[in-house]
Amino acid sequence: MFWQELKRALAIIFGSTLVGAALNSFIVPNRIADGGVTGAAVILHYLFGFPMGWLIAALNVPIFLVGIKFIGRRFALRSLLGVISVSLAVELTRGLPVVTRDLLL
């Protein structure tokens, strides 16, 4: 059970790191509004200049609270790990170079 949860947590962190890197090296520099909370964070980032990682975390708070109530604690904890990981990854990978400016890619 412990090893399964550890592997799951590491997979969440790894995937979140990839998302953070993709946001900073492609989505944000090309001004692409992704879907969901991340898309809203990109839009707010460009409108007001708020840091992306903090926006992603803040916009997920109400969703997280609803998730705890309706979906369950274990799922909520995994979701919290994902939100924190993505937020940190976005902040830590801020200096990555832009991969391309070709929007069709």
PDB file of N, CA and C in Angstrom:
ATOM      1  N   MET A   1       0.821  -1.189   0.000  1.00  0.00           N
ATOM      2  CA  MET A   1       0.000   0.000   0.000  1.00  0.00           C
ATOM      3  C   MET A   1       0.871   1.262   0.000  1.00  0.00           C
ATOM      4  N   PHE A   2       1.886   1.301   0.888  1.00  0.00           N
ATOM      5  CA  PHE A   2       2.760   2.468   0.967  1.00  0.00           C
ATOM      6  C   PHE A   2       3.489   2.696  -0.354  1.00  0.00           C
ATOM      7  N   TRP A   3       4.041   1.627  -0.928  1.00  0.00           N
ATOM      8  CA  TRP A   3       4.804   1.769  -2.168  1.00  0.00           C
ATOM      9  C   TRP A   3       3.912   2.188  -3.320  1.00  0.00           C
ATOM     10  N   GLN A   4       2.690   1.699  -3.319  1.00  0.00           N
ATOM     11  CA  GLN A   4       1.733   2.101  -4.361  1.00  0.00           C
ATOM     12  C   GLN A   4       1.428   3.593  -4.275  1.00  0.00           C
ATOM     13  N   GLU A   5       1.202   4.070  -3.068  1.00  0.00           N
ATOM     14  CA  GLU A   5       0.920   5.499  -2.874  1.00  0.00           C
ATOM     15  C   GLU A   5       2.136   6.354  -3.202  1.00  0.00           C
ATOM     16  N   LEU A   6       3.315   5.854  -2.843  1.00  0.00           N
ATOM     17  CA  LEU A   6       4.540   6.588  -3.157  1.00  0.00           C
ATOM     18  C   LEU A   6       4.743   6.688  -4.660  1.00  0.00           C
ATOM     19  N   LYS A   7       4.536   5.583  -5.375  1.00  0.00           N
ATOM     20  CA  LYS A   7       4.655   5.610  -6.838  1.00  0.00           C
ATOM     21  C   LYS A   7       3.635   6.561  -7.449  1.00  0.00           C
ATOM     22  N   ARG A   8       2.426   6.545  -6.936  1.00  0.00           N
ATOM     23  CA  ARG A   8       1.386   7.439  -7.432  1.00  0.00           C
ATOM     24  C   ARG A   8       1.770   8.905  -7.175  1.00  0.00           C
ATOM     25  N   ALA A   9       2.276   9.187  -5.996  1.00  0.00           N
ATOM     26  CA  ALA A   9       2.687  10.557  -5.656  1.00  0.00           C
ATOM     27  C   ALA A   9       3.834  11.017  -6.549  1.00  0.00           C
ATOM     28  N   LEU A  10       4.807  10.148  -6.782  1.00  0.00           N
ATOM     29  CA  LEU A  10       5.923  10.507  -7.663  1.00  0.00           C
ATOM     30  C   LEU A  10       5.450  10.731  -9.104  1.00  0.00           C
ATOM     31  N   ALA A  11       4.488   9.945  -9.549  1.00  0.00           N
ATOM     32  CA  ALA A  11       3.934  10.141 -10.892  1.00  0.00           C
ATOM     33  C   ALA A  11       3.205  11.478 -10.988  1.00  0.00           C
ATOM     34  N   ILE A  12       2.479  11.843  -9.947  1.00  0.00           N
ATOM     35  CA  ILE A  12       1.789  13.135  -9.927  1.00  0.00           C
ATOM     36  C   ILE A  12       2.798  14.273  -9.981  1.00  0.00           C
ATOM     37  N   ILE A  13       3.855  14.167  -9.195  1.00  0.00           N
ATOM     38  CA  ILE A  13       4.886  15.209  -9.172  1.00  0.00           C
ATOM     39  C   ILE A  13       5.597  15.291 -10.523  1.00  0.00           C
ATOM     40  N   PHE A  14       5.923  14.160 -11.109  1.00  0.00           N
ATOM     41  CA  PHE A  14       6.580  14.143 -12.421  1.00  0.00           C
ATOM     42  C   PHE A  14       5.695  14.774 -13.484  1.00  0.00           C
ATOM     43  N   GLY A  15       4.436  14.361 -13.521  1.00  0.00           N
ATOM     44  CA  GLY A  15       3.505  14.930 -14.496  1.00  0.00           C
ATOM     45  C   GLY A  15       3.297  16.416 -14.285  1.00  0.00           C
ATOM     46  N   SER A  16       3.229  16.846 -13.050  1.00  0.00           N
ATOM     47  CA  SER A  16       3.061  18.265 -12.741  1.00  0.00           C
ATOM     48  C   SER A  16       4.266  19.071 -13.199  1.00  0.00           C
ATOM     49  N   THR A  17       5.448  18.493 -13.063  1.00  0.00           N
ATOM     50  CA  THR A  17       6.663  19.163 -13.522  1.00  0.00           C
ATOM     51  C   THR A  17       6.635  19.337 -15.034  1.00  0.00           C
ATOM     52  N   LEU A  18       6.183  18.320 -15.746  1.00  0.00           N
ATOM     53  CA  LEU A  18       6.061  18.433 -17.202  1.00  0.00           C
ATOM     54  C   LEU A  18       5.045  19.509 -17.587  1.00  0.00           C
ATOM     55  N   VAL A  19       3.931  19.568 -16.868  1.00  0.00           N
ATOM     56  CA  VAL A  19       2.914  20.592 -17.140  1.00  0.00           C
ATOM     57  C   VAL A  19       3.490  21.983 -16.901  1.00  0.00           C
ATOM     58  N   GLY A  20       4.198  22.160 -15.792  1.00  0.00           N
ATOM     59  CA  GLY A  20       4.806  23.453 -15.491  1.00  0.00           C
ATOM     60  C   GLY A  20       5.802  23.880 -16.557  1.00  0.00           C
ATOM     61  N   ALA A  21       6.628  22.939 -16.998  1.00  0.00           N
ATOM     62  CA  ALA A  21       7.602  23.241 -18.045  1.00  0.00           C
ATOM     63  C   ALA A  21       6.904  23.592 -19.362  1.00  0.00           C
ATOM     64  N   ALA A  22       5.859  22.858 -19.706  1.00  0.00           N
ATOM     65  CA  ALA A  22       5.127  23.135 -20.945  1.00  0.00           C
ATOM     66  C   ALA A  22       4.441  24.501 -20.895  1.00  0.00           C
ATOM     67  N   LEU A  23       3.885  24.830 -19.759  1.00  0.00           N
ATOM     68  CA  LEU A  23       3.252  26.137 -19.621  1.00  0.00           C
ATOM     69  C   LEU A  23       4.255  27.256 -19.848  1.00  0.00           C
ATOM     70  N   ASN A  24       5.424  27.142 -19.232  1.00  0.00           N
ATOM     71  CA  ASN A  24       6.407  28.212 -19.324  1.00  0.00           C
ATOM     72  C   ASN A  24       7.185  28.242 -20.630  1.00  0.00           C
ATOM     73  N   SER A  25       7.295  27.125 -21.307  1.00  0.00           N
ATOM     74  CA  SER A  25       8.080  27.115 -22.540  1.00  0.00           C
ATOM     75  C   SER A  25       7.228  27.175 -23.806  1.00  0.00           C
ATOM     76  N   PHE A  26       5.913  27.040 -23.683  1.00  0.00           N
ATOM     77  CA  PHE A  26       5.078  27.088 -24.887  1.00  0.00           C
ATOM     78  C   PHE A  26       3.777  27.859 -24.698  1.00  0.00           C
ATOM     79  N   ILE A  27       2.972  27.468 -23.734  1.00  0.00           N
ATOM     80  CA  ILE A  27       1.620  28.025 -23.575  1.00  0.00           C
ATOM     81  C   ILE A  27       1.655  29.517 -23.242  1.00  0.00           C
ATOM     82  N   VAL A  28       2.340  29.899 -22.187  1.00  0.00           N
ATOM     83  CA  VAL A  28       2.353  31.289 -21.728  1.00  0.00           C
ATOM     84  C   VAL A  28       3.043  32.223 -22.732  1.00  0.00           C
ATOM     85  N   PRO A  29       4.239  31.877 -23.247  1.00  0.00           N
ATOM     86  CA  PRO A  29       4.890  32.810 -24.175  1.00  0.00           C
ATOM     87  C   PRO A  29       4.109  33.033 -25.469  1.00  0.00           C
ATOM     88  N   ASN A  30       3.321  32.049 -25.875  1.00  0.00           N
ATOM     89  CA  ASN A  30       2.546  32.176 -27.100  1.00  0.00           C
ATOM     90  C   ASN A  30       1.134  32.685 -26.857  1.00  0.00           C
ATOM     91  N   ARG A  31       0.850  33.041 -25.601  1.00  0.00           N
ATOM     92  CA  ARG A  31      -0.446  33.599 -25.218  1.00  0.00           C
ATOM     93  C   ARG A  31      -1.620  32.696 -25.603  1.00  0.00           C
ATOM     94  N   ILE A  32      -1.454  31.427 -25.318  1.00  0.00           N
ATOM     95  CA  ILE A  32      -2.508  30.451 -25.578  1.00  0.00           C
ATOM     96  C   ILE A  32      -3.275  30.237 -24.283  1.00  0.00           C
ATOM     97  N   ALA A  33      -4.575  30.437 -24.316  1.00  0.00           N
ATOM     98  CA  ALA A  33      -5.404  30.197 -23.134  1.00  0.00           C
ATOM     99  C   ALA A  33      -5.783  28.722 -23.114  1.00  0.00           C
ATOM    100  N   ASP A  34      -5.145  27.997 -22.249  1.00  0.00           N
ATOM    101  CA  ASP A  34      -5.425  26.584 -22.057  1.00  0.00           C
ATOM    102  C   ASP A  34      -6.822  26.433 -21.471  1.00  0.00           C
ATOM    103  N   GLY A  35      -7.283  25.239 -21.272  1.00  0.00           N
ATOM    104  CA  GLY A  35      -8.611  25.036 -20.716  1.00  0.00           C
ATOM    105  C   GLY A  35      -8.608  25.043 -19.199  1.00  0.00           C
ATOM    106  N   GLY A  36      -9.762  25.243 -18.624  1.00  0.00           N
ATOM    107  CA  GLY A  36      -9.964  25.127 -17.185  1.00  0.00           C
ATOM    108  C   GLY A  36      -9.277  26.188 -16.358  1.00  0.00           C
ATOM    109  N   VAL A  37      -8.857  25.778 -15.177  1.00  0.00           N
ATOM    110  CA  VAL A  37      -8.229  26.692 -14.230  1.00  0.00           C
ATOM    111  C   VAL A  37      -6.924  27.240 -14.799  1.00  0.00           C
ATOM    112  N   THR A  38      -6.163  26.417 -15.473  1.00  0.00           N
ATOM    113  CA  THR A  38      -4.905  26.877 -16.050  1.00  0.00           C
ATOM    114  C   THR A  38      -5.141  27.951 -17.096  1.00  0.00           C
ATOM    115  N   GLY A  39      -6.146  27.785 -17.928  1.00  0.00           N
ATOM    116  CA  GLY A  39      -6.482  28.802 -18.917  1.00  0.00           C
ATOM    117  C   GLY A  39      -6.898  30.107 -18.283  1.00  0.00           C
ATOM    118  N   ALA A  40      -7.698  30.024 -17.229  1.00  0.00           N
ATOM    119  CA  ALA A  40      -8.099  31.226 -16.504  1.00  0.00           C
ATOM    120  C   ALA A  40      -6.878  31.899 -15.885  1.00  0.00           C
ATOM    121  N   ALA A  41      -5.939  31.100 -15.368  1.00  0.00           N
ATOM    122  CA  ALA A  41      -4.718  31.658 -14.780  1.00  0.00           C
ATOM    123  C   ALA A  41      -3.866  32.351 -15.846  1.00  0.00           C
ATOM    124  N   VAL A  42      -3.780  31.771 -17.040  1.00  0.00           N
ATOM    125  CA  VAL A  42      -3.024  32.406 -18.133  1.00  0.00           C
ATOM    126  C   VAL A  42      -3.648  33.750 -18.488  1.00  0.00           C
ATOM    127  N   ILE A  43      -4.957  33.784 -18.607  1.00  0.00           N
ATOM    128  CA  ILE A  43      -5.647  35.035 -18.948  1.00  0.00           C
ATOM    129  C   ILE A  43      -5.423  36.087 -17.865  1.00  0.00           C
ATOM    130  N   LEU A  44      -5.607  35.711 -16.615  1.00  0.00           N
ATOM    131  CA  LEU A  44      -5.404  36.656 -15.517  1.00  0.00           C
ATOM    132  C   LEU A  44      -3.949  37.107 -15.425  1.00  0.00           C
ATOM    133  N   HIS A  45      -3.034  36.214 -15.734  1.00  0.00           N
ATOM    134  CA  HIS A  45      -1.615  36.554 -15.748  1.00  0.00           C
ATOM    135  C   HIS A  45      -1.349  37.668 -16.762  1.00  0.00           C
ATOM    136  N   TYR A  46      -1.903  37.546 -17.936  1.00  0.00           N
ATOM    137  CA  TYR A  46      -1.679  38.563 -18.963  1.00  0.00           C
ATOM    138  C   TYR A  46      -2.457  39.845 -18.700  1.00  0.00           C
ATOM    139  N   LEU A  47      -3.611  39.747 -18.095  1.00  0.00           N
ATOM    140  CA  LEU A  47      -4.385  40.959 -17.810  1.00  0.00           C
ATOM    141  C   LEU A  47      -3.806  41.768 -16.651  1.00  0.00           C
ATOM    142  N   PHE A  48      -3.372  41.080 -15.595  1.00  0.00           N
ATOM    143  CA  PHE A  48      -2.984  41.780 -14.374  1.00  0.00           C
ATOM    144  C   PHE A  48      -1.533  41.544 -13.944  1.00  0.00           C
ATOM    145  N   GLY A  49      -0.855  40.610 -14.564  1.00  0.00           N
ATOM    146  CA  GLY A  49       0.542  40.355 -14.237  1.00  0.00           C
ATOM    147  C   GLY A  49       0.786  39.531 -12.991  1.00  0.00           C
ATOM    148  N   PHE A  50      -0.257  38.882 -12.468  1.00  0.00           N
ATOM    149  CA  PHE A  50      -0.079  38.027 -11.289  1.00  0.00           C
ATOM    150  C   PHE A  50       0.787  36.819 -11.654  1.00  0.00           C
ATOM    151  N   PRO A  51       1.565  36.306 -10.701  1.00  0.00           N
ATOM    152  CA  PRO A  51       2.379  35.107 -10.963  1.00  0.00           C
ATOM    153  C   PRO A  51       1.486  33.896 -11.252  1.00  0.00           C
ATOM    154  N   MET A  52       1.848  33.160 -12.282  1.00  0.00           N
ATOM    155  CA  MET A  52       1.041  32.017 -12.725  1.00  0.00           C
ATOM    156  C   MET A  52       0.868  30.941 -11.662  1.00  0.00           C
ATOM    157  N   GLY A  53       1.944  30.578 -10.988  1.00  0.00           N
ATOM    158  CA  GLY A  53       1.864  29.516  -9.985  1.00  0.00           C
ATOM    159  C   GLY A  53       0.893  29.853  -8.871  1.00  0.00           C
ATOM    160  N   TRP A  54       0.934  31.074  -8.405  1.00  0.00           N
ATOM    161  CA  TRP A  54       0.029  31.510  -7.340  1.00  0.00           C
ATOM    162  C   TRP A  54      -1.407  31.549  -7.840  1.00  0.00           C
ATOM    163  N   LEU A  55      -1.603  31.982  -9.077  1.00  0.00           N
ATOM    164  CA  LEU A  55      -2.960  32.006  -9.639  1.00  0.00           C
ATOM    165  C   LEU A  55      -3.553  30.605  -9.734  1.00  0.00           C
ATOM    166  N   ILE A  56      -2.757  29.676 -10.208  1.00  0.00           N
ATOM    167  CA  ILE A  56      -3.234  28.296 -10.334  1.00  0.00           C
ATOM    168  C   ILE A  56      -3.641  27.756  -8.966  1.00  0.00           C
ATOM    169  N   ALA A  57      -2.810  27.998  -7.966  1.00  0.00           N
ATOM    170  CA  ALA A  57      -3.125  27.533  -6.608  1.00  0.00           C
ATOM    171  C   ALA A  57      -4.384  28.198  -6.071  1.00  0.00           C
ATOM    172  N   ALA A  58      -4.480  29.518  -6.223  1.00  0.00           N
ATOM    173  CA  ALA A  58      -5.626  30.251  -5.675  1.00  0.00           C
ATOM    174  C   ALA A  58      -6.931  29.865  -6.355  1.00  0.00           C
ATOM    175  N   LEU A  59      -6.910  29.693  -7.675  1.00  0.00           N
ATOM    176  CA  LEU A  59      -8.136  29.348  -8.389  1.00  0.00           C
ATOM    177  C   LEU A  59      -8.598  27.922  -8.106  1.00  0.00           C
ATOM    178  N   ASN A  60      -7.673  27.085  -7.663  1.00  0.00           N
ATOM    179  CA  ASN A  60      -8.028  25.700  -7.347  1.00  0.00           C
ATOM    180  C   ASN A  60      -8.591  25.517  -5.952  1.00  0.00           C
ATOM    181  N   VAL A  61      -8.435  26.497  -5.080  1.00  0.00           N
ATOM    182  CA  VAL A  61      -8.897  26.360  -3.693  1.00  0.00           C
ATOM    183  C   VAL A  61     -10.389  26.027  -3.609  1.00  0.00           C
ATOM    184  N   PRO A  62     -11.287  26.792  -4.264  1.00  0.00           N
ATOM    185  CA  PRO A  62     -12.713  26.445  -4.148  1.00  0.00           C
ATOM    186  C   PRO A  62     -13.038  25.065  -4.730  1.00  0.00           C
ATOM    187  N   ILE A  63     -12.378  24.716  -5.811  1.00  0.00           N
ATOM    188  CA  ILE A  63     -12.613  23.402  -6.422  1.00  0.00           C
ATOM    189  C   ILE A  63     -12.146  22.305  -5.471  1.00  0.00           C
ATOM    190  N   PHE A  64     -11.017  22.527  -4.843  1.00  0.00           N
ATOM    191  CA  PHE A  64     -10.486  21.568  -3.887  1.00  0.00           C
ATOM    192  C   PHE A  64     -11.437  21.370  -2.710  1.00  0.00           C
ATOM    193  N   LEU A  65     -11.983  22.456  -2.193  1.00  0.00           N
ATOM    194  CA  LEU A  65     -12.901  22.362  -1.054  1.00  0.00           C
ATOM    195  C   LEU A  65     -14.172  21.587  -1.413  1.00  0.00           C
ATOM    196  N   VAL A  66     -14.678  21.811  -2.601  1.00  0.00           N
ATOM    197  CA  VAL A  66     -15.845  21.051  -3.058  1.00  0.00           C
ATOM    198  C   VAL A  66     -15.472  19.576  -3.220  1.00  0.00           C
ATOM    199  N   GLY A  67     -14.277  19.332  -3.738  1.00  0.00           N
ATOM    200  CA  GLY A  67     -13.813  17.955  -3.929  1.00  0.00           C
ATOM    201  C   GLY A  67     -13.717  17.180  -2.634  1.00  0.00           C
ATOM    202  N   ILE A  68     -13.251  17.837  -1.583  1.00  0.00           N
ATOM    203  CA  ILE A  68     -13.152  17.163  -0.280  1.00  0.00           C
ATOM    204  C   ILE A  68     -14.529  16.693   0.167  1.00  0.00           C
ATOM    205  N   LYS A  69     -15.509  17.550  -0.017  1.00  0.00           N
ATOM    206  CA  LYS A  69     -16.853  17.240   0.466  1.00  0.00           C
ATOM    207  C   LYS A  69     -17.524  16.136  -0.344  1.00  0.00           C
ATOM    208  N   PHE A  70     -17.384  16.186  -1.666  1.00  0.00           N
ATOM    209  CA  PHE A  70     -18.160  15.282  -2.509  1.00  0.00           C
ATOM    210  C   PHE A  70     -17.394  14.069  -3.027  1.00  0.00           C
ATOM    211  N   ILE A  71     -16.092  14.157  -3.131  1.00  0.00           N
ATOM    212  CA  ILE A  71     -15.358  13.064  -3.763  1.00  0.00           C
ATOM    213  C   ILE A  71     -14.606  12.203  -2.754  1.00  0.00           C
ATOM    214  N   GLY A  72     -14.147  12.799  -1.682  1.00  0.00           N
ATOM    215  CA  GLY A  72     -13.465  12.000  -0.671  1.00  0.00           C
ATOM    216  C   GLY A  72     -12.082  12.514  -0.350  1.00  0.00           C
ATOM    217  N   ARG A  73     -11.624  12.098   0.799  1.00  0.00           N
ATOM    218  CA  ARG A  73     -10.367  12.613   1.328  1.00  0.00           C
ATOM    219  C   ARG A  73      -9.145  12.152   0.534  1.00  0.00           C
ATOM    220  N   ARG A  74      -9.073  10.888   0.191  1.00  0.00           N
ATOM    221  CA  ARG A  74      -7.900  10.363  -0.520  1.00  0.00           C
ATOM    222  C   ARG A  74      -7.729  11.047  -1.876  1.00  0.00           C
ATOM    223  N   PHE A  75      -8.809  11.167  -2.610  1.00  0.00           N
ATOM    224  CA  PHE A  75      -8.751  11.850  -3.895  1.00  0.00           C
ATOM    225  C   PHE A  75      -8.382  13.316  -3.707  1.00  0.00           C
ATOM    226  N   ALA A  76      -8.930  13.944  -2.684  1.00  0.00           N
ATOM    227  CA  ALA A  76      -8.633  15.350  -2.408  1.00  0.00           C
ATOM    228  C   ALA A  76      -7.161  15.545  -2.077  1.00  0.00           C
ATOM    229  N   LEU A  77      -6.568  14.639  -1.307  1.00  0.00           N
ATOM    230  CA  LEU A  77      -5.153  14.752  -0.977  1.00  0.00           C
ATOM    231  C   LEU A  77      -4.280  14.596  -2.212  1.00  0.00           C
ATOM    232  N   ARG A  78      -4.643  13.683  -3.087  1.00  0.00           N
ATOM    233  CA  ARG A  78      -3.896  13.535  -4.345  1.00  0.00           C
ATOM    234  C   ARG A  78      -4.048  14.779  -5.207  1.00  0.00           C
ATOM    235  N   SER A  79      -5.247  15.323  -5.234  1.00  0.00           N
ATOM    236  CA  SER A  79      -5.477  16.550  -5.987  1.00  0.00           C
ATOM    237  C   SER A  79      -4.671  17.708  -5.411  1.00  0.00           C
ATOM    238  N   LEU A  80      -4.613  17.782  -4.093  1.00  0.00           N
ATOM    239  CA  LEU A  80      -3.833  18.827  -3.443  1.00  0.00           C
ATOM    240  C   LEU A  80      -2.354  18.696  -3.808  1.00  0.00           C
ATOM    241  N   LEU A  81      -1.851  17.477  -3.827  1.00  0.00           N
ATOM    242  CA  LEU A  81      -0.470  17.248  -4.247  1.00  0.00           C
ATOM    243  C   LEU A  81      -0.259  17.736  -5.674  1.00  0.00           C
ATOM    244  N   GLY A  82      -1.215  17.439  -6.545  1.00  0.00           N
ATOM    245  CA  GLY A  82      -1.113  17.878  -7.936  1.00  0.00           C
ATOM    246  C   GLY A  82      -1.137  19.387  -8.068  1.00  0.00           C
ATOM    247  N   VAL A  83      -2.024  20.043  -7.357  1.00  0.00           N
ATOM    248  CA  VAL A  83      -2.130  21.507  -7.429  1.00  0.00           C
ATOM    249  C   VAL A  83      -0.857  22.155  -6.915  1.00  0.00           C
ATOM    250  N   ILE A  84      -0.369  21.683  -5.783  1.00  0.00           N
ATOM    251  CA  ILE A  84       0.861  22.248  -5.217  1.00  0.00           C
ATOM    252  C   ILE A  84       2.044  21.992  -6.147  1.00  0.00           C
ATOM    253  N   SER A  85       2.105  20.787  -6.706  1.00  0.00           N
ATOM    254  CA  SER A  85       3.207  20.439  -7.600  1.00  0.00           C
ATOM    255  C   SER A  85       3.191  21.282  -8.870  1.00  0.00           C
ATOM    256  N   VAL A  86       2.026  21.451  -9.462  1.00  0.00           N
ATOM    257  CA  VAL A  86       1.940  22.269 -10.677  1.00  0.00           C
ATOM    258  C   VAL A  86       2.297  23.713 -10.362  1.00  0.00           C
ATOM    259  N   SER A  87       1.774  24.233  -9.285  1.00  0.00           N
ATOM    260  CA  SER A  87       2.062  25.618  -8.909  1.00  0.00           C
ATOM    261  C   SER A  87       3.554  25.832  -8.696  1.00  0.00           C
ATOM    262  N   LEU A  88       4.188  24.921  -7.964  1.00  0.00           N
ATOM    263  CA  LEU A  88       5.632  25.032  -7.746  1.00  0.00           C
ATOM    264  C   LEU A  88       6.415  24.861  -9.044  1.00  0.00           C
ATOM    265  N   ALA A  89       6.011  23.906  -9.856  1.00  0.00           N
ATOM    266  CA  ALA A  89       6.705  23.669 -11.119  1.00  0.00           C
ATOM    267  C   ALA A  89       6.623  24.887 -12.031  1.00  0.00           C
ATOM    268  N   VAL A  90       5.471  25.540 -12.060  1.00  0.00           N
ATOM    269  CA  VAL A  90       5.323  26.739 -12.885  1.00  0.00           C
ATOM    270  C   VAL A  90       6.271  27.827 -12.396  1.00  0.00           C
ATOM    271  N   GLU A  91       6.361  27.993 -11.097  1.00  0.00           N
ATOM    272  CA  GLU A  91       7.251  29.023 -10.548  1.00  0.00           C
ATOM    273  C   GLU A  91       8.726  28.659 -10.737  1.00  0.00           C
ATOM    274  N   LEU A  92       9.068  27.392 -10.577  1.00  0.00           N
ATOM    275  CA  LEU A  92      10.466  26.977 -10.660  1.00  0.00           C
ATOM    276  C   LEU A  92      10.996  26.868 -12.089  1.00  0.00           C
ATOM    277  N   THR A  93      10.103  26.718 -13.063  1.00  0.00           N
ATOM    278  CA  THR A  93      10.540  26.595 -14.459  1.00  0.00           C
ATOM    279  C   THR A  93      10.302  27.876 -15.245  1.00  0.00           C
ATOM    280  N   ARG A  94      10.142  28.977 -14.556  1.00  0.00           N
ATOM    281  CA  ARG A  94       9.835  30.251 -15.199  1.00  0.00           C
ATOM    282  C   ARG A  94      10.880  30.687 -16.219  1.00  0.00           C
ATOM    283  N   GLY A  95      12.134  30.344 -16.033  1.00  0.00           N
ATOM    284  CA  GLY A  95      13.196  30.807 -16.919  1.00  0.00           C
ATOM    285  C   GLY A  95      13.462  29.929 -18.126  1.00  0.00           C
ATOM    286  N   LEU A  96      12.653  28.917 -18.356  1.00  0.00           N
ATOM    287  CA  LEU A  96      12.902  28.026 -19.490  1.00  0.00           C
ATOM    288  C   LEU A  96      12.784  28.776 -20.809  1.00  0.00           C
ATOM    289  N   PRO A  97      13.597  28.385 -21.798  1.00  0.00           N
ATOM    290  CA  PRO A  97      13.498  29.048 -23.101  1.00  0.00           C
ATOM    291  C   PRO A  97      12.202  28.664 -23.820  1.00  0.00           C
ATOM    292  N   VAL A  98      11.753  29.550 -24.697  1.00  0.00           N
ATOM    293  CA  VAL A  98      10.557  29.286 -25.495  1.00  0.00           C
ATOM    294  C   VAL A  98      10.912  28.238 -26.542  1.00  0.00           C
ATOM    295  N   VAL A  99      10.094  27.190 -26.624  1.00  0.00           N
ATOM    296  CA  VAL A  99      10.361  26.091 -27.535  1.00  0.00           C
ATOM    297  C   VAL A  99      10.108  26.507 -28.979  1.00  0.00           C
ATOM    298  N   THR A 100       8.989  27.154 -29.220  1.00  0.00           N
ATOM    299  CA  THR A 100       8.655  27.582 -30.574  1.00  0.00           C
ATOM    300  C   THR A 100       7.634  28.719 -30.502  1.00  0.00           C
ATOM    301  N   ARG A 101       7.591  29.487 -31.566  1.00  0.00           N
ATOM    302  CA  ARG A 101       6.569  30.526 -31.686  1.00  0.00           C
ATOM    303  C   ARG A 101       5.537  30.126 -32.742  1.00  0.00           C
ATOM    304  N   ASP A 102       5.685  28.928 -33.293  1.00  0.00           N
ATOM    305  CA  ASP A 102       4.754  28.425 -34.296  1.00  0.00           C
ATOM    306  C   ASP A 102       3.513  27.866 -33.599  1.00  0.00           C
ATOM    307  N   LEU A 103       2.408  28.582 -33.676  1.00  0.00           N
ATOM    308  CA  LEU A 103       1.193  28.178 -32.960  1.00  0.00           C
ATOM    309  C   LEU A 103       0.565  26.903 -33.518  1.00  0.00           C
ATOM    310  N   LEU A 104       0.856  26.551 -34.771  1.00  0.00           N
ATOM    311  CA  LEU A 104       0.284  25.332 -35.329  1.00  0.00           C
ATOM    312  C   LEU A 104       0.902  24.080 -34.729  1.00  0.00           C
ATOM    313  N   LEU A 105       2.083  24.211 -34.179  1.00  0.00           N
ATOM    314  CA  LEU A 105       2.715  23.047 -33.537  1.00  0.00           C
ATOM    315  C   LEU A 105       2.051  22.757 -32.225  1.00  0.00           C
TER     316      LEU A 105
END
